Protein backbone atom coordinates (compact mmCIF):
# COMPACT_ATOMS: atom_id res chain seq x y z
CA MET A 1 0.00 0.00 0.00
CA LYS A 2 2.89 2.36 0.76
CA HIS A 3 4.25 1.75 -2.73
CA VAL A 4 0.96 2.89 -4.32
CA LYS A 5 0.91 6.07 -2.23
CA LYS A 6 4.39 6.99 -3.49
CA ILE A 7 3.53 6.40 -7.16
CA LEU A 8 0.06 8.02 -7.15
CA PRO A 9 1.28 11.65 -7.29
CA PHE A 10 3.50 10.87 -10.28
CA VAL A 11 0.66 9.12 -12.09
CA LEU A 12 -1.66 12.06 -11.44
CA VAL A 13 0.91 14.56 -12.70
CA PHE A 14 1.43 12.44 -15.81
CA LEU A 15 -2.32 12.18 -16.50
CA ILE A 16 -2.91 15.91 -16.00
CA GLY A 17 0.07 16.70 -18.26
CA ALA A 18 -1.17 14.31 -20.95
CA ALA A 19 -4.66 15.84 -20.83
CA ALA A 20 -3.24 19.37 -21.08
CA GLY A 21 -1.03 18.28 -23.97
CA MET A 22 -4.01 16.81 -25.83
CA LEU A 23 -5.96 20.07 -25.38
CA PHE A 24 -2.97 21.97 -26.73
CA VAL A 25 -2.29 19.77 -29.78
CA THR A 26 -5.60 18.37 -31.04
CA PRO A 27 -7.17 21.62 -32.33
CA GLY A 28 -4.32 21.95 -34.84
CA PHE A 29 -5.54 18.86 -36.69
CA GLN A 30 -9.14 20.06 -37.06
CA LYS A 31 -10.32 21.26 -40.47
CA ARG A 32 -12.00 24.63 -40.61
CA THR A 33 -14.97 24.88 -42.95
CA ASP A 34 -15.89 28.45 -41.99
CA VAL A 35 -13.06 30.05 -43.99
CA TYR A 36 -13.85 32.57 -46.73
CA LEU A 37 -11.90 34.48 -49.35
CA GLN A 38 -11.49 38.12 -48.38
CA ASP A 39 -9.19 39.24 -51.19
CA TYR A 40 -6.74 37.80 -53.67
CA SER A 41 -3.92 38.83 -55.98
CA VAL A 42 -2.09 37.17 -58.85
CA SER A 43 1.63 37.59 -59.47
CA GLN A 44 2.70 39.45 -62.62
CA ASP A 45 3.75 36.24 -64.37
CA GLY A 46 0.52 34.51 -63.28
CA SER A 47 2.29 31.67 -61.50
CA VAL A 48 1.26 32.48 -57.90
CA ILE A 49 -2.12 33.35 -56.41
CA THR A 50 -2.08 34.94 -52.96
CA MET A 51 -5.35 34.63 -51.08
CA ARG A 52 -6.28 36.56 -47.94
CA MET A 53 -8.76 34.59 -45.85
CA PHE A 54 -11.03 35.16 -42.85
CA THR A 55 -13.17 32.96 -40.63
CA THR A 56 -16.78 33.52 -39.69
CA GLY A 57 -16.46 31.51 -36.49
CA SER A 58 -16.20 33.37 -33.22
CA MET A 59 -13.27 31.25 -32.02
CA GLY A 60 -9.98 30.15 -33.47
CA TYR A 61 -7.60 31.08 -36.25
CA ILE A 62 -6.23 29.51 -39.42
CA ARG A 63 -2.83 27.80 -39.21
CA THR A 64 -2.29 26.28 -42.63
CA MET A 65 -3.83 25.49 -45.99
CA GLU A 66 -3.67 22.18 -47.82
CA THR A 67 -4.33 22.19 -51.58
CA GLU A 68 -5.36 19.16 -53.61
CA GLN A 69 -5.85 19.01 -57.37
CA VAL A 70 -8.86 17.17 -58.75
CA HIS A 71 -8.77 17.30 -62.57
CA ASN A 72 -8.49 21.03 -63.37
CA GLU A 73 -9.80 22.15 -59.96
CA LEU A 74 -7.85 23.08 -56.83
CA HIS A 75 -9.57 22.26 -53.54
CA CYS A 76 -8.28 24.12 -50.46
CA SER A 77 -8.70 22.88 -46.90
CA PHE A 78 -7.77 24.94 -43.85
CA TYR A 79 -6.68 23.86 -40.37
CA SER A 80 -6.96 25.47 -36.92
CA CYS A 81 -4.00 26.68 -34.88
CA PHE A 82 -2.37 24.59 -32.19
CA GLY A 83 -2.58 25.72 -28.58
CA GLY A 84 -6.22 25.43 -27.58
CA LEU A 85 -9.60 26.48 -28.85
CA ASN A 86 -8.92 30.21 -29.33
CA SER A 87 -5.15 30.16 -29.74
CA SER A 88 -3.45 32.32 -32.34
CA LEU A 89 -0.20 30.31 -32.18
CA GLY A 90 1.06 30.21 -35.78
CA ALA A 91 -2.00 32.02 -37.14
CA LYS A 92 -1.96 33.20 -40.75
CA ASN A 93 -4.48 34.80 -43.03
CA ARG A 94 -2.47 34.93 -46.29
CA PHE A 95 -1.81 31.80 -48.29
CA GLU A 96 -0.06 31.28 -51.61
CA ILE A 97 -0.86 28.77 -54.30
CA ASN A 98 2.01 28.16 -56.69
CA LEU A 99 0.23 27.20 -59.90
CA GLU A 100 3.45 25.74 -61.33
CA ASP A 101 3.12 22.97 -58.71
CA PHE A 102 -0.04 21.94 -60.53
CA ALA A 103 1.38 22.22 -64.08
CA ASN A 104 -0.64 25.45 -64.59
CA SER A 105 -3.64 23.27 -65.43
CA ALA A 106 -5.90 24.67 -62.69
CA GLU A 107 -8.98 26.48 -63.93
CA SER A 108 -10.87 26.96 -60.66
CA ILE A 109 -10.30 27.16 -56.90
CA TYR A 110 -12.71 25.77 -54.31
CA LEU A 111 -12.83 26.08 -50.51
CA ASP A 112 -13.67 23.11 -48.29
CA ARG A 113 -17.24 23.18 -47.02
CA ALA A 114 -17.36 19.71 -45.41
CA GLY A 115 -18.48 17.77 -48.45
CA LEU A 116 -19.88 20.46 -50.74
CA ASP A 117 -16.98 22.71 -51.73
CA GLN A 118 -17.57 26.35 -52.70
CA LEU A 119 -16.18 27.80 -55.92
CA VAL A 120 -14.39 31.11 -55.16
CA LEU A 121 -12.02 31.80 -58.08
CA GLU A 122 -12.21 30.86 -61.73
CA ARG A 123 -9.85 31.43 -64.64
CA ASP A 124 -11.46 33.27 -67.57
CA ALA A 125 -11.12 31.01 -70.62
CA GLY A 126 -10.73 33.96 -73.01
CA THR A 127 -8.25 36.17 -71.14
CA GLY A 128 -6.66 33.66 -68.76
CA GLU A 129 -7.24 36.06 -65.85
CA TRP A 130 -8.53 34.87 -62.49
CA ARG A 131 -11.97 36.20 -61.51
CA PRO A 132 -13.80 35.97 -58.18
CA VAL A 133 -16.98 33.93 -58.18
CA SER A 134 -17.78 34.24 -54.49
CA LEU A 135 -15.81 36.24 -51.94
CA LEU A 136 -18.22 36.43 -49.01
CA PRO A 137 -20.36 33.86 -47.22
CA GLN A 138 -23.53 32.88 -49.00
């Protein structure tokens, strides 16, 4: 019994530390589907699109963007910051898409909406310029 009494404080400290660590780390792996395009710009040579984003949620910030190509579409997913529910640790609101990484074949950009993605930018077939389709929440 004495042995258990000596180990119990260490076990409790470990469990509390593990719980705090989980609260700190897990939000950073959550996708954000409340992210919207605020503004965008295209580099002079047309190879990079810089998007400025914002969230409509009352808590949390954007940490990173992941881009996946599906045919001639780019689908962007965003992830929360690490550090808890309303942490700004590593927060960003500007993200670049290097079109050369996708062989310049992208014709449209979508934002992740948990299953039904939203078209936000589209390349004009005639001029080759990028045009906004939807900047604000619908």
